[in-house]
Every structure is written in C-alpha cells, then in structure tokens.
Amino acid sequence: MDRVWLTRMRWRRRGAWMWPAFVVLTVADAVVVHALPFDGDSEGLVPALLFSGFWNFIAVVVVAHPVGALVRRVRRDLPRFVARDYAGTWLLLAITAGVVAAGIANHSMVVSDGAAMRDAEVRAIAWIGFRAPPVFRAELHRETTFTLQPGSLYRTCVPSPGGRTYCVIVNDREPVNRSVRFAGYEPNAVFAQGLE
C-alpha cells in the first residue's frame, strides 16, 4: 500500500503543474493583454483578466482531457491525470504564446496607425493654415482629428470662436500635394454620430 501511495505521489508531483500554471499564466496573460492588446490600442486590466481567465479555463476544463488522451497514446506510461495535467499546462503555455504574438502584431499596427494619424494632422494643419479663412487659421491649436480608416483616411476640423468648424479630409496614401481636400463645416462630433 505504501509503495502504491509513494508512486502515486511521485506522479502527482511530476504532473501537478496545470493549476499553478493556470493561476500564474492567467495573471500573466491579463497583464500582456492590458499592455499589448491584440485589438485596438488599449484594454482595461479587469476585462483582460476576465478574457484570459475564460480562455484558460476552457483550455483546462474542456480541451485538456482530449489532448491528454492523445498524450497517453504516445506515452502509455503516464497515468491519465498526469497526461491531462501535462496537456493542460502545454495548452496554457500555447495560449500565452498566442496572446503575446497577437499583442506584438497589433502593437506594430497601432504604432503605424499613430504615425499615419500624426502625419495626417500635420498635412491638415498645413492645408488649413494656408487655405482656410483667417478666423479658422487663428484656431489651429484647437484642431480635432477623427479616424475614418485607420492608417490612411482622417478628417480634421478646426473650430472658430463663433461655433463653426472648417474641416478637411486627409488621405495619407496620396501624394502630399493631392492628399487634402475640403470636407465641409460639420464638426467631427456630429459627423461621428452619423457614422454610428
């Protein structure tokens, strides 16, 4: 009896990584999703924790059993619970790797889109500063920019003290001399509501 118990404890110690990994990697995934979101440019810590906890829980509770059965086909010497724990731990590590890869890929897009938006703002301010009526040119420091298509199409408006706005659309993919055109007097706040 003692020999069976000792053997079982040895296997349990070798295979008991899944739940500690679940806790550590769920927190790590949440921090990664918060710092490097894979969609958009920001994510709250609590939603990131809920997201990572949900997917890690699905991996451990649902997917680890069939993957553990596949592991046992390859390594028949492993007890079922050890194979399941190994499979669950590998799945958790795979999810973490996927979250990191997706976050890095999205971060490069966010940086690229941010640079394109800054370039569009510079083009819009230069165009408005040269062509708009003087009342709008005096308010260039109050410009607002709305993204129509990330990385390429933006709408920039400058308000006047009288409440009107002067707006232009900037196509960042066009040559500088043809990239900006007048877009009316409707403020970005009103324009954005019409697009929702």
Protein backbone atom coordinates (compact mmCIF):
# COMPACT_ATOMS: atom_id res chain seq x y z
CA MET A 1 0.00 0.00 0.00
CA ASP A 2 2.79 2.43 0.90
CA ARG A 3 4.59 1.69 -2.35
CA VAL A 4 1.45 2.50 -4.40
CA TRP A 5 0.96 5.70 -2.42
CA LEU A 6 4.59 6.77 -2.96
CA THR A 7 4.39 6.01 -6.69
CA ARG A 8 1.16 7.98 -6.95
CA MET A 9 2.70 10.93 -5.06
CA ARG A 10 5.71 10.89 -7.37
CA TRP A 11 3.43 11.05 -10.43
CA ARG A 12 1.26 13.68 -8.78
CA ARG A 13 4.31 15.85 -8.09
CA ARG A 14 5.53 15.45 -11.69
CA GLY A 15 2.10 16.13 -13.17
CA ALA A 16 0.68 18.77 -10.85
CA TRP A 17 1.67 21.82 -12.91
CA MET A 18 -1.63 22.61 -14.61
CA TRP A 19 -3.47 24.50 -11.84
CA PRO A 20 -0.47 26.52 -10.61
CA ALA A 21 0.25 27.34 -14.25
CA PHE A 22 -3.40 28.30 -14.69
CA VAL A 23 -3.18 30.89 -11.91
CA VAL A 24 0.20 32.31 -12.93
CA LEU A 25 -0.48 32.35 -16.69
CA THR A 26 -3.98 33.81 -16.30
CA VAL A 27 -2.48 36.79 -14.48
CA ALA A 28 0.42 36.97 -16.96
CA ASP A 29 -1.98 36.84 -19.93
CA ALA A 30 -4.09 39.61 -18.40
CA VAL A 31 -1.03 41.81 -17.96
CA VAL A 32 0.06 41.12 -21.55
CA VAL A 33 -3.43 41.85 -22.94
CA HIS A 34 -3.56 45.05 -20.88
CA ALA A 35 -0.09 46.19 -22.01
CA LEU A 36 -0.25 44.83 -25.59
CA PRO A 37 -3.91 44.45 -26.57
CA PHE A 38 -4.48 42.41 -29.71
CA ASP A 39 -7.40 44.59 -30.79
CA GLY A 40 -7.44 48.37 -30.57
CA ASP A 41 -4.93 50.44 -28.67
CA SER A 42 -5.97 49.83 -25.04
CA GLU A 43 -7.64 47.26 -22.80
CA GLY A 44 -8.60 47.53 -19.15
CA LEU A 45 -6.97 45.20 -16.64
CA VAL A 46 -10.24 43.67 -15.37
CA PRO A 47 -11.60 42.86 -18.86
CA ALA A 48 -8.17 41.45 -19.75
CA LEU A 49 -8.26 39.25 -16.64
CA LEU A 50 -11.78 38.04 -17.46
CA PHE A 51 -10.77 37.30 -21.05
CA SER A 52 -7.64 35.38 -20.12
CA GLY A 53 -9.39 33.56 -17.28
CA PHE A 54 -12.21 32.44 -19.58
CA TRP A 55 -9.95 31.06 -22.32
CA ASN A 56 -7.53 29.45 -19.88
CA PHE A 57 -10.46 27.85 -18.05
CA ILE A 58 -11.83 26.45 -21.34
CA ALA A 59 -8.37 25.06 -22.16
CA VAL A 60 -8.02 23.37 -18.76
CA VAL A 61 -11.56 22.08 -18.31
CA VAL A 62 -12.65 21.25 -21.86
CA VAL A 63 -9.62 20.82 -24.12
CA ALA A 64 -7.09 19.28 -21.70
CA HIS A 65 -8.99 15.96 -21.45
CA PRO A 66 -8.93 15.02 -25.16
CA VAL A 67 -5.38 16.34 -25.59
CA GLY A 68 -4.36 14.36 -22.51
CA ALA A 69 -5.81 11.23 -24.13
CA LEU A 70 -3.61 11.91 -27.17
CA VAL A 71 -0.59 12.33 -24.90
CA ARG A 72 -1.37 8.95 -23.32
CA ARG A 73 -1.37 7.31 -26.74
CA VAL A 74 2.21 8.49 -27.19
CA ARG A 75 3.31 7.93 -23.57
CA ARG A 76 1.43 4.92 -22.21
CA ASP A 77 3.48 5.00 -19.02
CA LEU A 78 1.76 8.21 -17.88
CA PRO A 79 -1.28 7.96 -15.64
CA ARG A 80 -4.38 9.64 -17.03
CA PHE A 81 -4.32 12.56 -14.58
CA VAL A 82 -0.64 13.28 -15.29
CA ALA A 83 -1.20 13.25 -19.06
CA ARG A 84 -4.16 15.61 -18.61
CA ASP A 85 -2.09 17.94 -16.42
CA TYR A 86 0.75 17.96 -18.96
CA ALA A 87 -1.70 18.67 -21.78
CA GLY A 88 -3.39 21.45 -19.79
CA THR A 89 -0.07 23.08 -18.98
CA TRP A 90 1.03 22.95 -22.63
CA LEU A 91 -2.30 24.43 -23.72
CA LEU A 92 -1.94 27.26 -21.21
CA LEU A 93 1.57 27.97 -22.48
CA ALA A 94 0.27 27.92 -26.08
CA ILE A 95 -2.45 30.44 -25.19
CA THR A 96 0.14 32.72 -23.56
CA ALA A 97 2.36 32.48 -26.64
CA GLY A 98 -0.63 33.31 -28.85
CA VAL A 99 -1.62 36.30 -26.70
CA VAL A 100 1.94 37.64 -26.79
CA ALA A 101 2.22 37.14 -30.58
CA ALA A 102 -1.15 38.79 -31.25
CA GLY A 103 -0.29 41.69 -28.93
CA ILE A 104 3.05 42.30 -30.63
CA ALA A 105 1.46 42.15 -34.09
CA ASN A 106 -1.29 44.60 -33.07
CA HIS A 107 1.19 46.91 -31.33
CA SER A 108 3.13 47.40 -34.54
CA MET A 109 -0.14 48.26 -36.31
CA VAL A 110 -1.10 50.72 -33.53
CA VAL A 111 2.31 52.41 -33.79
CA SER A 112 2.00 52.57 -37.58
CA ASP A 113 -1.56 53.95 -37.40
CA GLY A 114 -0.45 56.53 -34.81
CA ALA A 115 2.34 57.71 -37.09
CA ALA A 116 -0.08 57.93 -40.03
CA MET A 117 -2.53 59.95 -37.92
CA ARG A 118 0.19 62.40 -36.84
CA ASP A 119 1.24 62.78 -40.47
CA ALA A 120 -2.38 63.41 -41.48
CA GLU A 121 -2.75 66.05 -38.76
CA VAL A 122 0.38 67.83 -39.96
CA ARG A 123 -0.89 67.82 -43.55
CA ALA A 124 -4.34 69.06 -42.45
CA ILE A 125 -2.95 71.87 -40.30
CA ALA A 126 -0.65 73.00 -43.11
CA TRP A 127 -3.51 72.96 -45.62
CA ILE A 128 -5.95 74.77 -43.30
CA GLY A 129 -3.24 77.24 -42.28
CA PHE A 130 -2.68 78.11 -45.94
CA ARG A 131 -6.21 77.96 -47.43
CA ALA A 132 -8.86 78.40 -44.71
CA PRO A 133 -10.42 81.76 -43.84
CA PRO A 134 -8.41 83.73 -41.23
CA VAL A 135 -10.92 83.09 -38.45
CA PHE A 136 -10.12 79.35 -38.64
CA ARG A 137 -6.37 79.81 -39.12
CA ALA A 138 -6.18 81.56 -35.76
CA GLU A 139 -7.61 78.45 -34.05
CA LEU A 140 -5.32 75.75 -35.48
CA HIS A 141 -4.22 74.77 -31.98
CA ARG A 142 -7.79 73.55 -31.29
CA GLU A 143 -7.95 71.04 -34.17
CA THR A 144 -9.60 67.64 -33.74
CA THR A 145 -8.99 64.60 -35.91
CA PHE A 146 -11.40 61.73 -36.49
CA THR A 147 -10.20 58.44 -37.98
CA LEU A 148 -12.28 57.31 -40.95
CA GLN A 149 -9.97 54.45 -41.92
CA PRO A 150 -7.01 53.66 -39.64
CA GLY A 151 -3.69 54.16 -41.33
CA SER A 152 -4.96 56.11 -44.30
CA LEU A 153 -8.09 58.30 -44.08
CA TYR A 154 -8.69 61.05 -41.49
CA ARG A 155 -11.00 64.03 -41.01
CA THR A 156 -9.56 67.09 -39.27
CA CYS A 157 -11.63 70.07 -38.12
CA VAL A 158 -10.73 73.47 -36.69
CA PRO A 159 -13.42 75.44 -34.81
CA SER A 160 -13.93 79.18 -34.96
CA PRO A 161 -14.84 81.35 -31.95
CA GLY A 162 -18.31 81.73 -33.48
CA GLY A 163 -19.04 77.98 -33.22
CA ARG A 164 -18.49 76.99 -36.86
CA THR A 165 -15.88 74.48 -37.94
CA TYR A 166 -13.72 74.13 -41.01
CA CYS A 167 -12.97 70.52 -41.93
CA VAL A 168 -10.72 68.67 -44.34
CA ILE A 169 -10.25 65.02 -45.24
CA VAL A 170 -6.69 63.71 -45.46
CA ASN A 171 -5.83 60.61 -47.46
CA ASP A 172 -2.43 59.61 -46.15
CA ARG A 173 -1.80 57.31 -49.11
CA GLU A 174 -2.00 60.12 -51.66
CA PRO A 175 0.95 62.34 -52.59
CA VAL A 176 1.22 65.35 -50.28
CA ASN A 177 0.02 67.88 -52.88
CA ARG A 178 -3.23 65.93 -53.53
CA SER A 179 -3.85 64.32 -50.13
CA VAL A 180 -6.03 67.02 -48.50
CA ARG A 181 -9.44 68.28 -49.60
CA PHE A 182 -12.14 70.45 -48.06
CA ALA A 183 -14.82 68.42 -46.23
CA GLY A 184 -17.43 70.93 -45.10
CA TYR A 185 -18.35 72.64 -41.85
CA GLU A 186 -19.88 69.79 -39.86
CA PRO A 187 -17.93 69.17 -36.58
CA ASN A 188 -16.29 65.79 -36.05
CA ALA A 189 -18.55 65.08 -33.05
CA VAL A 190 -21.66 65.39 -35.22
CA PHE A 191 -20.01 63.59 -38.12
CA ALA A 192 -19.01 60.67 -35.89
CA GLN A 193 -22.59 60.30 -34.58
CA GLY A 194 -23.82 59.91 -38.14
CA LEU A 195 -21.41 57.03 -38.69
CA GLU A 196 -22.55 55.02 -35.64
